[in-house]
Amino acid sequence: MNKSMVTLTSNLTQEQRKQLCGLLGNVELTLLYKASVHGYNASAFHQRCDRQGPTLLVAYNSSGYIFGGYTSVDYTQSGRQITDEEAFLFSVEGEIPVCIKVNSGQYARLDDAGAPNFGQQLYFCYSNQPVVYHQGQNAYGVYKVRVNPFNFNPATLYGNDTQLNECEVYKVEQNPQISAKMKPWRNVQWTAKQRDELMKMIRNYKPMMTSVSRVRILMIGPVGAGKSSFFNSINSVFMGRMTSKAMSGSAGTSLTTQFRTYPVKDGREGKPLPFVLCDTMGLEEQSGAGLDIDDISSILQGHVPDRYKFNPMSPFQPDEQKACRPASLQEKIHCVVYVIDATKISLMSDQLEEKLAAIRKKVNSLGIPQMVLMTKVDEACPDVMEDLQNIYITSYIKTKVQEVSSRLGVPVSCVLPVKNYSQELELELNCDVLLLTAIQQMLNFADDYLDDIGPI
């Protein structure tokens, strides 16, 4: 029988197909190539898959792993290095797929007549055989190059089992009818009026306790998660232009080495707004590095002064005079915000999770409300990168919110996905609405804390 006439049946279950569509947004998958039918050779692959637009390769190995890669650029056998900022690898594990961005999109793949490859490091149907081949050092990172790259581990993707049982390639097409039918799982008004109303509410906010003129919000999170970038973004919204007051970037170790308290002004000549964002050194996995838990305890209780320089080897020690008196309510922290990179949630180490659990235990003991900012949502989901208004429509972001809720032990309602300003030159309405909504929620939580402790 002519192989081109064979009816192709996908190996994906409905649940697995749903998970993969969640990574890509509102799409339809059409099976183009199936190695068990068409052969594990490059010529058969290119005959079926060239010039088909965006494609998703799905491989299955004998250990039960389902993994592969996505490229938004046509296969054409051009012989060129392909730049594809949307290219990523994935592995379906349980309810939450692991997603690994091909580093920065540069050299995402070599578009030659050979086997499909990603980063010129991972080859499928290598040498026309049912195997996957990983070539030494890699070009992979968690989404963009400004995110700290990590060494790609074949065990994470396919359990080091290189023998393939099947390899399929799907054509990926946007489905506007699905988009129209999908109901958002949170309601947001993406309007200039809503942005203006949020800004007005924040300007007019007054803490419940008259002894507190401005609430203090402490940002805690791993290195590179976006704590300083969040302050810069909020500052930019109220200044009406891009600002970069707090040092932010993509270094492997924390760029913030001091405890900083950042007031935000309402415009260049405006008065300070009724909140202060407190920035800390980033958390790191290994002991003796990054922010110390004892330092966090001192910050929470209002003992650490602005511009105090952290020393991971020696926790903060208040001088004897200050140690004898409790800090005023004005000096204490009124809300704690964990800042977590959406592209790294599935890759969070046990050590980091244990540190965060220890911090939460301390914060709970002081009765301080806590919430999570889930940053870099655009890098975590191509559908959100295309349009930020998809953030509460795509199921992938919802699963990430649920995952971070489970890992950190906070309610789903206390997890807010946001996009910080990073490479933009101008403010953008949708981004502003998400950022301002997050600040409004922090102020609400701070009021809950002040209301709970009562008059002093």
Protein backbone atom coordinates (compact mmCIF):
# COMPACT_ATOMS: atom_id res chain seq x y z
CA MET A 1 0.00 0.00 0.00
CA ASN A 2 1.15 3.53 -0.77
CA LYS A 3 2.36 5.01 2.52
CA SER A 4 0.97 8.40 1.58
CA MET A 5 -2.53 6.86 1.54
CA VAL A 6 -2.27 5.30 5.02
CA THR A 7 -4.53 6.83 7.67
CA LEU A 8 -2.26 8.07 10.46
CA THR A 9 -3.21 7.50 14.07
CA SER A 10 -1.61 9.63 16.77
CA ASN A 11 0.00 7.94 19.79
CA LEU A 12 -0.94 10.91 21.99
CA THR A 13 -3.78 10.49 24.45
CA GLN A 14 -6.39 13.24 24.66
CA GLU A 15 -4.84 14.45 27.92
CA GLN A 16 -1.33 14.55 26.45
CA ARG A 17 -2.58 16.42 23.38
CA LYS A 18 -4.32 18.91 25.68
CA GLN A 19 -1.09 19.44 27.67
CA LEU A 20 0.93 20.09 24.50
CA CYS A 21 -1.70 22.46 23.11
CA GLY A 22 -1.50 24.26 26.46
CA LEU A 23 2.17 24.97 25.73
CA LEU A 24 1.37 26.41 22.33
CA GLY A 25 -1.88 28.26 22.93
CA ASN A 26 -5.11 27.85 21.00
CA VAL A 27 -3.86 25.52 18.28
CA GLU A 28 -4.81 22.45 16.30
CA LEU A 29 -2.34 19.60 15.74
CA THR A 30 -2.37 17.69 12.43
CA LEU A 31 -0.22 14.57 12.16
CA LEU A 32 2.15 14.83 9.19
CA TYR A 33 4.78 12.16 9.79
CA LYS A 34 4.90 8.91 11.73
CA ALA A 35 8.24 7.09 11.72
CA SER A 36 6.74 3.61 12.18
CA VAL A 37 4.77 4.19 8.97
CA HIS A 38 7.05 6.38 6.85
CA GLY A 39 10.44 5.20 8.10
CA TYR A 40 13.10 6.54 10.45
CA ASN A 41 15.00 8.30 7.71
CA ALA A 42 15.64 11.95 6.96
CA SER A 43 14.32 11.84 3.40
CA ALA A 44 10.92 10.53 4.55
CA PHE A 45 10.80 13.17 7.28
CA HIS A 46 11.55 16.02 4.87
CA GLN A 47 9.14 14.70 2.23
CA ARG A 48 6.29 14.92 4.75
CA CYS A 49 7.33 17.91 6.88
CA ASP A 50 9.12 20.47 4.69
CA ARG A 51 7.36 23.81 4.12
CA GLN A 52 4.54 23.01 6.54
CA GLY A 53 4.99 26.03 8.82
CA PRO A 54 5.32 25.58 12.60
CA THR A 55 5.72 21.96 13.65
CA LEU A 56 5.83 19.92 16.86
CA LEU A 57 8.02 16.80 16.99
CA VAL A 58 6.89 14.18 19.53
CA ALA A 59 9.14 11.21 20.35
CA TYR A 60 8.38 8.13 22.46
CA ASN A 61 11.05 5.90 24.00
CA SER A 62 11.03 2.43 25.52
CA SER A 63 11.12 3.88 29.07
CA GLY A 64 7.75 5.57 28.55
CA TYR A 65 9.03 9.14 28.10
CA ILE A 66 7.15 11.43 25.72
CA PHE A 67 9.36 14.33 24.64
CA GLY A 68 10.36 16.42 21.65
CA GLY A 69 10.61 19.95 20.33
CA TYR A 70 8.74 22.80 18.66
CA THR A 71 9.93 25.10 15.90
CA SER A 72 7.97 27.99 14.40
CA VAL A 73 10.17 28.10 11.27
CA ASP A 74 9.63 25.91 8.18
CA TYR A 75 11.91 23.00 7.38
CA THR A 76 13.30 23.78 3.89
CA GLN A 77 16.72 22.01 3.72
CA SER A 78 18.30 25.43 3.19
CA GLY A 79 21.57 24.49 4.91
CA ARG A 80 21.29 27.62 7.10
CA GLN A 81 21.43 28.12 10.84
CA ILE A 82 17.89 28.97 11.95
CA THR A 83 17.07 31.68 14.48
CA ASP A 84 13.81 30.82 16.20
CA GLU A 85 12.94 32.59 19.45
CA GLU A 86 9.88 30.37 19.90
CA ALA A 87 11.74 27.04 19.63
CA PHE A 88 11.66 24.85 22.73
CA LEU A 89 12.08 21.28 23.95
CA PHE A 90 9.53 19.57 26.18
CA SER A 91 8.92 16.44 28.19
CA VAL A 92 5.46 15.36 29.32
CA GLU A 93 5.69 14.37 32.96
CA GLY A 94 2.48 13.90 34.94
CA GLU A 95 0.15 16.89 34.79
CA ILE A 96 2.83 19.54 34.17
CA PRO A 97 5.05 19.34 31.06
CA VAL A 98 8.69 20.39 31.45
CA CYS A 99 9.54 23.10 28.91
CA ILE A 100 13.12 24.03 27.93
CA LYS A 101 13.82 26.97 25.63
CA VAL A 102 16.53 26.56 23.00
CA ASN A 103 18.90 29.22 24.28
CA SER A 104 18.04 32.71 23.03
CA GLY A 105 16.65 31.40 19.74
CA GLN A 106 20.08 31.71 18.12
CA TYR A 107 21.20 28.53 16.37
CA ALA A 108 17.87 26.96 17.27
CA ARG A 109 18.48 24.30 14.65
CA LEU A 110 20.41 23.53 11.47
CA ASP A 111 18.04 23.44 8.51
CA ASP A 112 19.80 20.79 6.44
CA ALA A 113 18.76 17.58 4.69
CA GLY A 114 19.62 15.49 7.75
CA ALA A 115 17.72 14.42 10.86
CA PRO A 116 15.57 16.99 12.71
CA ASN A 117 17.69 18.66 15.38
CA PHE A 118 17.46 21.34 18.06
CA GLY A 119 20.38 23.56 19.00
CA GLN A 120 22.54 21.29 16.86
CA GLN A 121 22.82 19.23 20.03
CA LEU A 122 19.76 17.00 20.10
CA TYR A 123 19.08 14.87 17.01
CA PHE A 124 15.99 12.74 16.42
CA CYS A 125 16.05 9.64 14.14
CA TYR A 126 19.83 10.05 14.14
CA SER A 127 21.67 8.33 11.26
CA ASN A 128 18.30 7.09 9.98
CA GLN A 129 17.84 4.93 13.08
CA PRO A 130 15.14 4.88 15.80
CA VAL A 131 17.39 6.70 18.26
CA VAL A 132 17.82 10.17 19.76
CA TYR A 133 21.36 11.52 20.02
CA HIS A 134 22.61 14.20 22.42
CA GLN A 135 25.88 15.81 21.38
CA GLY A 136 27.95 16.93 24.40
CA GLN A 137 27.61 20.52 25.64
CA ASN A 138 24.49 22.30 24.69
CA ALA A 139 22.79 25.45 23.59
CA TYR A 140 19.85 25.22 25.94
CA GLY A 141 18.59 27.56 28.66
CA VAL A 142 15.31 28.28 30.37
CA TYR A 143 13.83 30.45 27.65
CA LYS A 144 15.78 33.56 26.68
CA VAL A 145 19.50 34.13 26.99
CA ARG A 146 18.97 36.81 29.63
CA VAL A 147 17.63 34.03 31.84
CA ASN A 148 20.41 32.12 33.58
CA PRO A 149 21.22 29.13 31.35
CA PHE A 150 21.33 25.68 32.86
CA ASN A 151 23.09 22.57 31.59
CA PHE A 152 20.63 20.54 29.56
CA ASN A 153 20.23 17.16 31.21
CA PRO A 154 19.11 14.27 28.96
CA ALA A 155 17.78 12.48 32.05
CA THR A 156 15.25 15.30 32.53
CA LEU A 157 13.98 15.04 28.97
CA TYR A 158 14.04 11.33 28.18
CA GLY A 159 15.61 9.45 31.10
CA ASN A 160 18.84 8.83 29.16
CA ASP A 161 17.01 6.19 27.13
CA THR A 162 18.00 6.88 23.53
CA GLN A 163 15.96 4.09 21.90
CA LEU A 164 12.80 5.37 20.19
CA ASN A 165 9.57 3.39 19.82
CA GLU A 166 7.97 6.11 17.71
CA CYS A 167 8.54 9.61 16.36
CA GLU A 168 5.72 11.84 15.14
CA VAL A 169 5.62 15.34 13.67
CA TYR A 170 2.53 17.54 13.83
CA LYS A 171 1.63 20.65 11.87
CA VAL A 172 0.71 23.42 14.33
CA GLU A 173 -2.07 25.81 13.28
CA GLN A 174 -3.74 28.59 15.23
CA ASN A 175 -7.44 28.10 15.76
CA PRO A 176 -9.26 31.44 16.24
CA GLN A 177 -12.57 29.62 16.83
CA ILE A 178 -11.10 27.94 19.92
CA SER A 179 -9.86 31.34 21.14
CA ALA A 180 -13.31 32.83 20.75
CA LYS A 181 -14.93 30.01 22.73
CA MET A 182 -12.44 29.88 25.59
CA LYS A 183 -13.54 31.55 28.78
CA PRO A 184 -10.90 33.34 30.89
CA TRP A 185 -10.25 31.73 34.28
CA ARG A 186 -9.75 35.20 35.78
CA ASN A 187 -11.51 38.33 34.63
CA VAL A 188 -9.40 41.38 33.79
CA GLN A 189 -10.46 44.61 32.13
CA TRP A 190 -7.71 45.41 29.63
CA THR A 191 -8.63 49.08 29.23
CA ALA A 192 -7.01 52.45 29.76
CA LYS A 193 -9.88 53.27 32.10
CA GLN A 194 -9.01 50.28 34.29
CA ARG A 195 -5.35 51.29 34.37
CA ASP A 196 -6.30 54.83 35.38
CA GLU A 197 -8.66 53.58 38.10
CA LEU A 198 -5.99 51.27 39.52
CA MET A 199 -3.47 54.12 39.60
CA LYS A 200 -6.03 56.37 41.32
CA MET A 201 -6.82 53.73 43.97
CA ILE A 202 -3.12 53.22 44.68
CA ARG A 203 -2.48 56.98 44.90
CA ASN A 204 -5.38 57.43 47.31
CA TYR A 205 -4.62 54.40 49.47
CA LYS A 206 -4.13 55.05 53.18
CA PRO A 207 -2.90 52.28 55.52
CA MET A 208 -5.46 51.24 58.13
CA MET A 209 -3.14 52.20 61.00
CA THR A 210 -2.42 55.93 61.38
CA SER A 211 1.03 55.06 62.81
CA VAL A 212 1.98 53.63 59.39
CA SER A 213 2.37 56.20 56.62
CA ARG A 214 3.58 53.74 53.98
CA VAL A 215 3.26 49.96 53.98
CA ARG A 216 6.45 47.96 53.48
CA ILE A 217 6.40 45.08 51.01
CA LEU A 218 9.30 42.61 51.06
CA MET A 219 10.30 40.90 47.80
CA ILE A 220 11.93 37.47 48.22
CA GLY A 221 12.98 35.08 45.47
CA PRO A 222 15.74 33.18 43.67
CA VAL A 223 18.53 34.95 41.81
CA GLY A 224 17.27 36.37 38.50
CA ALA A 225 13.56 35.89 39.22
CA GLY A 226 12.78 39.59 38.68
CA LYS A 227 12.54 41.29 42.09
CA SER A 228 14.48 44.40 41.08
CA SER A 229 12.84 44.37 37.65
CA PHE A 230 9.40 44.48 39.30
CA PHE A 231 10.33 47.64 41.20
CA ASN A 232 11.71 49.21 38.00
CA SER A 233 8.48 48.27 36.20
CA ILE A 234 6.20 49.80 38.86
CA ASN A 235 8.40 52.90 38.99
CA SER A 236 8.15 53.15 35.20
CA VAL A 237 4.34 52.99 35.25
CA PHE A 238 4.05 55.91 37.68
CA MET A 239 6.85 57.92 36.04
CA GLY A 240 5.21 57.47 32.64
CA ARG A 241 8.47 56.34 31.06
CA MET A 242 11.01 53.53 31.30
CA THR A 243 13.24 53.74 34.40
CA SER A 244 16.07 51.62 35.76
CA LYS A 245 16.64 52.71 39.34
CA ALA A 246 17.23 49.24 40.82
CA MET A 247 20.03 47.15 39.34
CA SER A 248 18.62 44.18 37.46
CA GLY A 249 20.05 41.73 34.98
CA SER A 250 20.87 38.10 34.30
CA ALA A 251 24.05 37.40 36.27
CA GLY A 252 24.42 33.92 37.77
CA THR A 253 24.68 35.40 41.27
CA SER A 254 22.56 38.11 42.84
CA LEU A 255 23.10 41.64 41.50
CA THR A 256 21.37 42.97 44.62
CA THR A 257 23.92 42.79 47.45
CA GLN A 258 22.26 45.31 49.79
CA PHE A 259 18.91 45.54 51.53
CA ARG A 260 17.18 48.36 49.65
CA THR A 261 13.94 50.16 50.43
CA TYR A 262 12.51 51.74 47.30
CA PRO A 263 9.79 54.37 47.63
CA VAL A 264 7.89 55.07 44.42
CA LYS A 265 7.04 58.64 43.41
CA ASP A 266 3.87 59.63 41.62
CA GLY A 267 5.63 61.18 38.65
CA ARG A 268 8.86 63.13 38.56
CA GLU A 269 7.71 65.93 40.87
CA GLY A 270 5.02 63.91 42.63
CA LYS A 271 4.80 62.89 46.24
CA PRO A 272 5.84 59.40 47.37
CA LEU A 273 3.15 56.76 46.99
CA PRO A 274 1.85 54.97 50.13
CA PHE A 275 4.05 51.89 49.80
CA VAL A 276 7.74 50.94 49.83
CA LEU A 277 9.15 47.95 47.93
CA CYS A 278 11.96 46.27 49.86
CA ASP A 279 14.50 44.45 47.69
CA THR A 280 16.75 41.69 48.97
CA MET A 281 19.66 39.60 47.82
CA GLY A 282 18.52 36.62 45.74
CA LEU A 283 18.05 33.18 47.26
CA GLU A 284 20.54 30.54 46.13
CA GLU A 285 20.43 26.75 46.42
CA GLN A 286 23.69 26.10 48.24
CA SER A 287 24.21 26.98 51.89
CA GLY A 288 26.52 29.92 52.55
CA ALA A 289 25.36 31.67 49.36
CA GLY A 290 22.62 34.19 48.66
CA LEU A 291 20.26 35.60 51.27
CA ASP A 292 20.44 34.02 54.72
CA ILE A 293 17.18 33.02 56.46
CA ASP A 294 18.33 34.75 59.66
CA ASP A 295 18.69 37.97 57.66
CA ILE A 296 15.10 37.59 56.45
CA SER A 297 13.91 37.26 60.05
CA SER A 298 15.71 40.53 60.95
CA ILE A 299 14.20 42.28 57.92
CA LEU A 300 10.68 41.11 58.77
CA GLN A 301 10.96 42.52 62.27
CA GLY A 302 12.24 45.89 61.03
CA HIS A 303 15.82 45.71 62.34
CA VAL A 304 17.76 45.95 59.04
CA PRO A 305 18.53 49.47 57.78
CA ASP A 306 18.38 50.59 54.17
CA ARG A 307 21.61 49.87 52.23
CA TYR A 308 22.78 47.23 54.69
CA LYS A 309 25.22 45.01 52.75
CA PHE A 310 24.47 41.31 53.07
CA ASN A 311 27.16 38.82 54.03
CA PRO A 312 26.03 35.23 53.34
CA MET A 313 28.70 33.94 55.76
CA SER A 314 27.57 36.17 58.64
CA PRO A 315 23.90 37.06 59.35
CA PHE A 316 22.87 40.59 60.34
CA GLN A 317 23.55 41.52 63.98
CA PRO A 318 21.68 44.58 65.29
CA ASP A 319 23.67 46.84 67.60
CA GLU A 320 22.92 46.44 71.31
CA GLN A 321 20.94 49.68 71.63
CA LYS A 322 18.54 48.74 68.79
CA ALA A 323 18.36 45.11 69.92
CA CYS A 324 16.94 46.24 73.28
CA ARG A 325 13.89 47.91 71.75
CA PRO A 326 11.38 46.43 69.31
CA ALA A 327 11.09 48.12 65.95
CA SER A 328 8.08 50.35 65.34
CA LEU A 329 5.18 49.07 63.25
CA GLN A 330 6.23 51.54 60.55
CA GLU A 331 9.62 49.79 60.26
CA LYS A 332 8.28 46.24 60.07
CA ILE A 333 7.28 44.32 56.95
CA HIS A 334 3.53 44.28 56.27
CA CYS A 335 3.36 41.92 53.27
CA VAL A 336 5.80 39.33 51.85
CA VAL A 337 5.92 38.65 48.11
CA TYR A 338 7.74 35.64 46.66
CA VAL A 339 8.98 36.35 43.14
CA ILE A 340 9.20 33.16 41.06
CA ASP A 341 10.29 32.78 37.42
CA ALA A 342 7.50 30.94 35.54
CA THR A 343 10.02 29.24 33.23
CA LYS A 344 11.85 27.65 36.17
CA ILE A 345 9.04 26.37 38.39
CA SER A 346 9.34 22.76 37.19
CA LEU A 347 13.12 22.94 37.61
CA MET A 348 13.11 24.24 41.20
CA SER A 349 15.60 22.22 43.25
CA ASP A 350 14.76 20.48 46.52
CA GLN A 351 17.27 22.73 48.32
CA LEU A 352 15.58 25.91 47.08
CA GLU A 353 12.14 24.55 47.90
CA GLU A 354 13.35 23.75 51.44
CA LYS A 355 14.71 27.30 51.87
CA LEU A 356 11.39 28.79 50.74
CA ALA A 357 9.48 26.47 53.12
CA ALA A 358 11.68 27.61 56.04
CA ILE A 359 11.05 31.26 55.14
CA ARG A 360 7.29 30.67 54.88
CA LYS A 361 7.29 29.04 58.30
CA LYS A 362 8.99 32.11 59.80
CA VAL A 363 6.66 34.54 58.01
CA ASN A 364 3.63 32.53 59.14
CA SER A 365 4.81 32.68 62.75
CA LEU A 366 4.76 36.49 62.53
CA GLY A 367 1.29 36.55 60.97
CA ILE A 368 2.46 38.44 57.85
CA PRO A 369 0.36 37.81 54.70
CA GLN A 370 2.13 36.26 51.72
CA MET A 371 1.57 36.12 47.97
CA VAL A 372 3.48 35.07 44.86
CA LEU A 373 4.41 37.06 41.76
CA MET A 374 4.95 34.66 38.87
CA THR A 375 7.20 36.54 36.45
CA LYS A 376 8.32 36.00 32.84
CA VAL A 377 4.96 34.57 31.79
CA ASP A 378 5.59 35.69 28.22
CA GLU A 379 8.74 33.56 28.09
CA ALA A 380 6.90 30.60 29.63
CA CYS A 381 4.11 30.51 27.04
CA PRO A 382 4.28 31.43 23.32
CA ASP A 383 0.57 32.26 23.32
CA VAL A 384 1.10 34.87 26.05
CA MET A 385 4.18 36.20 24.26
CA GLU A 386 1.98 36.81 21.23
CA ASP A 387 -0.72 38.58 23.25
CA LEU A 388 -0.55 39.29 26.99
CA GLN A 389 -4.35 39.24 27.17
CA ASN A 390 -4.13 35.45 26.71
CA ILE A 391 -2.59 35.13 30.17
CA TYR A 392 -5.88 34.14 31.82
CA ILE A 393 -7.11 32.12 28.85
CA THR A 394 -4.25 29.70 28.23
CA SER A 395 -4.41 26.53 30.29
CA TYR A 396 -0.61 26.35 30.49
CA ILE A 397 -0.32 29.48 32.65
CA LYS A 398 -3.15 28.15 34.83
CA THR A 399 -1.21 24.89 35.40
CA LYS A 400 1.90 26.90 36.28
CA VAL A 401 -0.08 28.96 38.80
CA GLN A 402 -1.40 25.73 40.32
CA GLU A 403 2.10 24.24 40.40
CA VAL A 404 3.71 27.20 42.18
CA SER A 405 0.75 27.26 44.58
CA SER A 406 1.41 23.61 45.44
CA ARG A 407 5.19 23.98 45.74
CA LEU A 408 5.13 27.08 47.92
CA GLY A 409 2.02 26.25 49.91
CA VAL A 410 0.05 29.39 49.07
CA PRO A 411 -3.54 29.50 47.77
CA VAL A 412 -4.02 29.77 44.00
CA SER A 413 -5.82 33.09 44.59
CA CYS A 414 -2.56 34.47 46.04
CA VAL A 415 -0.51 33.73 42.89
CA LEU A 416 -0.44 36.59 40.39
CA PRO A 417 1.23 36.18 36.99
CA VAL A 418 2.93 39.37 35.74
CA LYS A 419 5.25 40.56 33.02
CA ASN A 420 8.01 42.97 34.06
CA TYR A 421 9.33 45.51 31.61
CA SER A 422 12.71 44.27 30.37
CA GLN A 423 13.56 45.15 26.78
CA GLU A 424 10.70 47.50 25.93
CA LEU A 425 11.28 51.19 25.23
CA GLU A 426 7.70 52.28 25.81
CA LEU A 427 4.96 51.43 28.32
CA GLU A 428 2.26 48.99 27.27
CA LEU A 429 -1.33 48.99 28.54
CA ASN A 430 -1.75 45.24 29.19
CA CYS A 431 1.53 45.07 31.07
CA ASP A 432 0.56 48.08 33.21
CA VAL A 433 -2.80 46.53 34.16
CA LEU A 434 -1.16 43.32 35.42
CA LEU A 435 1.53 45.20 37.37
CA LEU A 436 -0.93 47.62 38.99
CA THR A 437 -3.33 44.79 39.87
CA ALA A 438 -0.45 43.08 41.69
CA ILE A 439 0.34 46.24 43.70
CA GLN A 440 -3.33 46.69 44.60
CA GLN A 441 -3.43 43.12 45.93
CA MET A 442 -0.29 43.73 48.00
CA LEU A 443 -1.90 46.80 49.58
CA ASN A 444 -5.03 44.77 50.36
CA PHE A 445 -2.90 42.10 52.05
CA ALA A 446 -0.98 44.73 54.04
CA ASP A 447 -4.32 46.11 55.27
CA ASP A 448 -5.33 42.61 56.34
CA TYR A 449 -2.18 42.44 58.46
CA LEU A 450 -2.68 45.88 60.02
CA ASP A 451 -6.33 45.13 60.69
CA ASP A 452 -5.41 41.85 62.36
CA ILE A 453 -2.88 43.29 64.81
CA GLY A 454 -5.30 46.07 65.81
CA PRO A 455 -4.48 49.51 67.33
CA ILE A 456 -1.08 49.93 69.00
